[in-house]
Amino acid sequence: MHRVFLVGPMGAGKSTIGKYLARQLGLAFADTDTEIEIRTGADIPWIFDVEGEEGFRDREQQVVEEMTLMDDIVLATGGGVIIRPENRQVLGSRGFVIYLHATVEEQVRRTRKDRKRPLLQNGDPETVLRDLMAVRDPWYREIADYVIDTDGCSPRTVAQRLMLALNP
């Protein structure tokens, strides 16, 4: 595996698990949200405020298009990357896609103090996460080559389980 793409909801651990997994696989690690922030010089909440979600998704699609062509990489993606069919097609066709699944309850627990998640800043975060999961879970599963549950596990443990599953 020279291209591993991590998808899943916010709070599933894509960035943290991705770093451990990259180290164990001997690959580079990258994160689409971090790359967007580097390119714009602004954080994700600011981009959402100024350009709206659609503007952010345009930037995200460009980054996904470019970064999925890189070799020897574990790439963590944003939770909403799978909204656009073009992103699903690119991710599914250019690498090995791992869906890091987390229940809504676990997502709430992991994100409750995080103020950098624009979609959770209005209203009831649990309802937002539940609604997002209802729409997005089928898309994550559609492109996933492998699904692993991250609830109740440390990022290191999930990475170790992935290594065992991917290299039996």
C-alpha atoms as a PDB file:
ATOM      1  CA  MET A   1       0.000   0.000   0.000  1.00  0.00           C
ATOM      2  CA  HIS A   2       1.485   3.261  -1.161  1.00  0.00           C
ATOM      3  CA  ARG A   3      -1.607   5.420  -0.729  1.00  0.00           C
ATOM      4  CA  VAL A   4      -3.820   5.038   2.318  1.00  0.00           C
ATOM      5  CA  PHE A   5      -6.751   7.412   2.731  1.00  0.00           C
ATOM      6  CA  LEU A   6      -8.574   7.784   6.042  1.00  0.00           C
ATOM      7  CA  VAL A   7     -12.220   8.819   5.996  1.00  0.00           C
ATOM      8  CA  GLY A   8     -14.799   9.098   8.736  1.00  0.00           C
ATOM      9  CA  PRO A   9     -16.714  11.552  10.871  1.00  0.00           C
ATOM     10  CA  MET A  10     -15.209  14.306  12.963  1.00  0.00           C
ATOM     11  CA  GLY A  11     -13.879  12.883  16.196  1.00  0.00           C
ATOM     12  CA  ALA A  12     -13.126   9.454  14.713  1.00  0.00           C
ATOM     13  CA  GLY A  13      -9.382  10.046  15.100  1.00  0.00           C
ATOM     14  CA  LYS A  14      -8.294  10.338  11.467  1.00  0.00           C
ATOM     15  CA  SER A  15      -5.410  12.746  12.090  1.00  0.00           C
ATOM     16  CA  THR A  16      -4.095  11.136  15.249  1.00  0.00           C
ATOM     17  CA  ILE A  17      -4.475   7.540  14.067  1.00  0.00           C
ATOM     18  CA  GLY A  18      -3.089   8.539  10.677  1.00  0.00           C
ATOM     19  CA  LYS A  19       0.179   9.725  12.225  1.00  0.00           C
ATOM     20  CA  TYR A  20       0.667   6.427  14.076  1.00  0.00           C
ATOM     21  CA  LEU A  21      -0.286   4.384  11.024  1.00  0.00           C
ATOM     22  CA  ALA A  22       2.053   6.329   8.731  1.00  0.00           C
ATOM     23  CA  ARG A  23       4.938   5.786  11.114  1.00  0.00           C
ATOM     24  CA  GLN A  24       4.234   2.039  11.292  1.00  0.00           C
ATOM     25  CA  LEU A  25       3.906   1.738   7.511  1.00  0.00           C
ATOM     26  CA  GLY A  26       6.978   3.874   6.869  1.00  0.00           C
ATOM     27  CA  LEU A  27       4.938   6.385   4.877  1.00  0.00           C
ATOM     28  CA  ALA A  28       4.558  10.157   5.039  1.00  0.00           C
ATOM     29  CA  PHE A  29       1.503  11.617   6.769  1.00  0.00           C
ATOM     30  CA  ALA A  30      -0.654  14.467   5.517  1.00  0.00           C
ATOM     31  CA  ASP A  31      -3.997  15.973   6.467  1.00  0.00           C
ATOM     32  CA  THR A  32      -6.265  17.737   3.959  1.00  0.00           C
ATOM     33  CA  ASP A  33      -7.545  20.258   6.522  1.00  0.00           C
ATOM     34  CA  THR A  34      -3.994  21.181   7.543  1.00  0.00           C
ATOM     35  CA  GLU A  35      -3.023  21.574   3.886  1.00  0.00           C
ATOM     36  CA  ILE A  36      -5.998  23.889   3.285  1.00  0.00           C
ATOM     37  CA  GLU A  37      -4.973  25.998   6.291  1.00  0.00           C
ATOM     38  CA  ILE A  38      -1.374  26.191   5.046  1.00  0.00           C
ATOM     39  CA  ARG A  39      -2.444  27.215   1.546  1.00  0.00           C
ATOM     40  CA  THR A  40      -4.910  29.865   2.705  1.00  0.00           C
ATOM     41  CA  GLY A  41      -3.055  31.109   5.759  1.00  0.00           C
ATOM     42  CA  ALA A  42      -6.339  30.854   7.660  1.00  0.00           C
ATOM     43  CA  ASP A  43      -7.985  28.278   9.899  1.00  0.00           C
ATOM     44  CA  ILE A  44     -11.006  26.232   8.851  1.00  0.00           C
ATOM     45  CA  PRO A  45     -13.556  28.176  10.978  1.00  0.00           C
ATOM     46  CA  TRP A  46     -12.415  31.433   9.357  1.00  0.00           C
ATOM     47  CA  ILE A  47     -12.753  29.927   5.872  1.00  0.00           C
ATOM     48  CA  PHE A  48     -16.283  28.763   6.743  1.00  0.00           C
ATOM     49  CA  ASP A  49     -17.154  32.243   8.062  1.00  0.00           C
ATOM     50  CA  VAL A  50     -15.811  34.099   5.039  1.00  0.00           C
ATOM     51  CA  GLU A  51     -16.445  31.694   2.149  1.00  0.00           C
ATOM     52  CA  GLY A  52     -19.189  29.497   3.556  1.00  0.00           C
ATOM     53  CA  GLU A  53     -19.207  25.725   3.441  1.00  0.00           C
ATOM     54  CA  GLU A  54     -19.341  25.711  -0.365  1.00  0.00           C
ATOM     55  CA  GLY A  55     -16.149  27.779  -0.605  1.00  0.00           C
ATOM     56  CA  PHE A  56     -14.430  25.461   1.829  1.00  0.00           C
ATOM     57  CA  ARG A  57     -15.589  22.389  -0.125  1.00  0.00           C
ATOM     58  CA  ASP A  58     -14.173  23.886  -3.346  1.00  0.00           C
ATOM     59  CA  ARG A  59     -10.773  24.264  -1.667  1.00  0.00           C
ATOM     60  CA  GLU A  60     -11.043  20.777  -0.182  1.00  0.00           C
ATOM     61  CA  GLN A  61     -11.829  19.217  -3.561  1.00  0.00           C
ATOM     62  CA  GLN A  62      -8.733  20.834  -5.114  1.00  0.00           C
ATOM     63  CA  VAL A  63      -6.514  19.575  -2.268  1.00  0.00           C
ATOM     64  CA  VAL A  64      -7.964  16.056  -2.494  1.00  0.00           C
ATOM     65  CA  GLU A  65      -7.437  16.014  -6.258  1.00  0.00           C
ATOM     66  CA  GLU A  66      -3.762  16.886  -5.815  1.00  0.00           C
ATOM     67  CA  MET A  67      -2.866  14.972  -2.658  1.00  0.00           C
ATOM     68  CA  THR A  68      -4.404  11.666  -3.738  1.00  0.00           C
ATOM     69  CA  LEU A  69      -1.808  11.559  -6.512  1.00  0.00           C
ATOM     70  CA  MET A  70       1.060  11.554  -4.003  1.00  0.00           C
ATOM     71  CA  ASP A  71       2.776   8.229  -3.397  1.00  0.00           C
ATOM     72  CA  ASP A  72       3.862   6.725  -0.083  1.00  0.00           C
ATOM     73  CA  ILE A  73       1.304   8.650   1.977  1.00  0.00           C
ATOM     74  CA  VAL A  74      -1.304   8.197   4.661  1.00  0.00           C
ATOM     75  CA  LEU A  75      -3.817  10.978   4.041  1.00  0.00           C
ATOM     76  CA  ALA A  76      -6.360  12.013   6.677  1.00  0.00           C
ATOM     77  CA  THR A  77      -9.390  13.749   5.194  1.00  0.00           C
ATOM     78  CA  GLY A  78     -12.033  16.017   6.649  1.00  0.00           C
ATOM     79  CA  GLY A  79     -15.295  14.449   7.777  1.00  0.00           C
ATOM     80  CA  GLY A  80     -17.280  16.021   4.949  1.00  0.00           C
ATOM     81  CA  VAL A  81     -14.898  15.139   2.132  1.00  0.00           C
ATOM     82  CA  ILE A  82     -17.260  12.430   0.924  1.00  0.00           C
ATOM     83  CA  ILE A  83     -20.133  14.869   0.319  1.00  0.00           C
ATOM     84  CA  ARG A  84     -18.951  15.495  -3.219  1.00  0.00           C
ATOM     85  CA  PRO A  85     -19.169  12.549  -5.631  1.00  0.00           C
ATOM     86  CA  GLU A  86     -15.934  13.699  -7.298  1.00  0.00           C
ATOM     87  CA  ASN A  87     -14.043  13.264  -4.011  1.00  0.00           C
ATOM     88  CA  ARG A  88     -15.562   9.824  -3.441  1.00  0.00           C
ATOM     89  CA  GLN A  89     -14.521   8.757  -6.920  1.00  0.00           C
ATOM     90  CA  VAL A  90     -10.962  10.061  -6.543  1.00  0.00           C
ATOM     91  CA  LEU A  91     -10.447   8.586  -3.075  1.00  0.00           C
ATOM     92  CA  GLY A  92     -11.945   5.229  -4.010  1.00  0.00           C
ATOM     93  CA  SER A  93      -9.960   4.851  -7.213  1.00  0.00           C
ATOM     94  CA  ARG A  94      -6.521   6.119  -6.187  1.00  0.00           C
ATOM     95  CA  GLY A  95      -5.753   4.346  -2.947  1.00  0.00           C
ATOM     96  CA  PHE A  96      -6.748   2.069  -0.103  1.00  0.00           C
ATOM     97  CA  VAL A  97      -9.599   3.723   1.840  1.00  0.00           C
ATOM     98  CA  ILE A  98     -10.048   3.040   5.544  1.00  0.00           C
ATOM     99  CA  TYR A  99     -13.261   4.163   7.217  1.00  0.00           C
ATOM    100  CA  LEU A 100     -12.615   5.019  10.850  1.00  0.00           C
ATOM    101  CA  HIS A 101     -16.060   4.575  12.341  1.00  0.00           C
ATOM    102  CA  ALA A 102     -17.085   6.186  15.621  1.00  0.00           C
ATOM    103  CA  THR A 103     -20.560   6.217  17.132  1.00  0.00           C
ATOM    104  CA  VAL A 104     -22.315   9.550  17.556  1.00  0.00           C
ATOM    105  CA  GLU A 105     -21.945   9.220  21.329  1.00  0.00           C
ATOM    106  CA  GLU A 106     -18.181   8.820  20.975  1.00  0.00           C
ATOM    107  CA  GLN A 107     -17.988  11.745  18.551  1.00  0.00           C
ATOM    108  CA  VAL A 108     -19.840  13.951  21.040  1.00  0.00           C
ATOM    109  CA  ARG A 109     -17.445  12.929  23.803  1.00  0.00           C
ATOM    110  CA  ARG A 110     -14.352  13.568  21.691  1.00  0.00           C
ATOM    111  CA  THR A 111     -15.470  16.894  20.191  1.00  0.00           C
ATOM    112  CA  ARG A 112     -17.332  18.526  23.083  1.00  0.00           C
ATOM    113  CA  LYS A 113     -14.510  20.953  23.963  1.00  0.00           C
ATOM    114  CA  ASP A 114     -13.313  21.566  20.410  1.00  0.00           C
ATOM    115  CA  ARG A 115     -14.194  25.071  19.185  1.00  0.00           C
ATOM    116  CA  LYS A 116     -12.557  24.604  15.779  1.00  0.00           C
ATOM    117  CA  ARG A 117     -15.356  22.595  14.224  1.00  0.00           C
ATOM    118  CA  PRO A 118     -17.653  25.013  12.373  1.00  0.00           C
ATOM    119  CA  LEU A 119     -20.530  22.597  11.910  1.00  0.00           C
ATOM    120  CA  LEU A 120     -20.775  22.062  15.695  1.00  0.00           C
ATOM    121  CA  GLN A 121     -20.923  25.711  16.711  1.00  0.00           C
ATOM    122  CA  ASN A 122     -24.646  26.174  16.163  1.00  0.00           C
ATOM    123  CA  GLY A 123     -27.399  24.401  18.006  1.00  0.00           C
ATOM    124  CA  ASP A 124     -27.155  20.978  19.585  1.00  0.00           C
ATOM    125  CA  PRO A 125     -23.901  19.206  18.599  1.00  0.00           C
ATOM    126  CA  GLU A 126     -25.335  15.735  19.210  1.00  0.00           C
ATOM    127  CA  THR A 127     -28.240  16.374  16.837  1.00  0.00           C
ATOM    128  CA  VAL A 128     -25.862  17.812  14.231  1.00  0.00           C
ATOM    129  CA  LEU A 129     -23.553  14.785  14.507  1.00  0.00           C
ATOM    130  CA  ARG A 130     -26.476  12.364  14.345  1.00  0.00           C
ATOM    131  CA  ASP A 131     -27.847  14.079  11.231  1.00  0.00           C
ATOM    132  CA  LEU A 132     -24.415  14.134   9.577  1.00  0.00           C
ATOM    133  CA  MET A 133     -23.862  10.446  10.325  1.00  0.00           C
ATOM    134  CA  ALA A 134     -27.242   9.500   8.845  1.00  0.00           C
ATOM    135  CA  VAL A 135     -26.291  11.143   5.551  1.00  0.00           C
ATOM    136  CA  ARG A 136     -22.565  10.406   5.421  1.00  0.00           C
ATOM    137  CA  ASP A 137     -22.206   6.856   6.786  1.00  0.00           C
ATOM    138  CA  PRO A 138     -23.431   5.207   3.555  1.00  0.00           C
ATOM    139  CA  TRP A 139     -20.911   7.270   1.540  1.00  0.00           C
ATOM    140  CA  TYR A 140     -18.031   6.340   3.852  1.00  0.00           C
ATOM    141  CA  ARG A 141     -18.979   2.683   3.484  1.00  0.00           C
ATOM    142  CA  GLU A 142     -19.413   3.002  -0.293  1.00  0.00           C
ATOM    143  CA  ILE A 143     -15.745   3.868  -0.831  1.00  0.00           C
ATOM    144  CA  ALA A 144     -14.171   2.000   2.091  1.00  0.00           C
ATOM    145  CA  ASP A 145     -11.872  -0.933   1.449  1.00  0.00           C
ATOM    146  CA  TYR A 146     -11.760  -1.540   5.195  1.00  0.00           C
ATOM    147  CA  VAL A 147     -13.908  -0.381   8.145  1.00  0.00           C
ATOM    148  CA  ILE A 148     -12.679  -0.268  11.742  1.00  0.00           C
ATOM    149  CA  ASP A 149     -14.499   0.899  14.861  1.00  0.00           C
ATOM    150  CA  THR A 150     -12.548   3.426  16.940  1.00  0.00           C
ATOM    151  CA  ASP A 151     -14.883   3.646  19.952  1.00  0.00           C
ATOM    152  CA  GLY A 152     -13.188   3.096  23.290  1.00  0.00           C
ATOM    153  CA  CYS A 153      -9.748   2.588  21.740  1.00  0.00           C
ATOM    154  CA  SER A 154      -6.622   4.694  21.912  1.00  0.00           C
ATOM    155  CA  PRO A 155      -5.311   5.939  18.560  1.00  0.00           C
ATOM    156  CA  ARG A 156      -2.237   3.757  18.977  1.00  0.00           C
ATOM    157  CA  THR A 157      -4.409   0.668  19.533  1.00  0.00           C
ATOM    158  CA  VAL A 158      -6.478   1.385  16.429  1.00  0.00           C
ATOM    159  CA  ALA A 159      -3.287   1.821  14.364  1.00  0.00           C
ATOM    160  CA  GLN A 160      -1.930  -1.475  15.701  1.00  0.00           C
ATOM    161  CA  ARG A 161      -5.202  -3.247  14.870  1.00  0.00           C
ATOM    162  CA  LEU A 162      -5.077  -1.801  11.388  1.00  0.00           C
ATOM    163  CA  MET A 163      -1.517  -3.063  10.934  1.00  0.00           C
ATOM    164  CA  LEU A 164      -2.593  -6.556  11.974  1.00  0.00           C
ATOM    165  CA  ALA A 165      -5.606  -6.491   9.679  1.00  0.00           C
ATOM    166  CA  LEU A 166      -3.709  -5.094   6.711  1.00  0.00           C
ATOM    167  CA  ASN A 167      -0.644  -7.316   7.122  1.00  0.00           C
ATOM    168  CA  PRO A 168      -1.953 -10.694   8.312  1.00  0.00           C
END
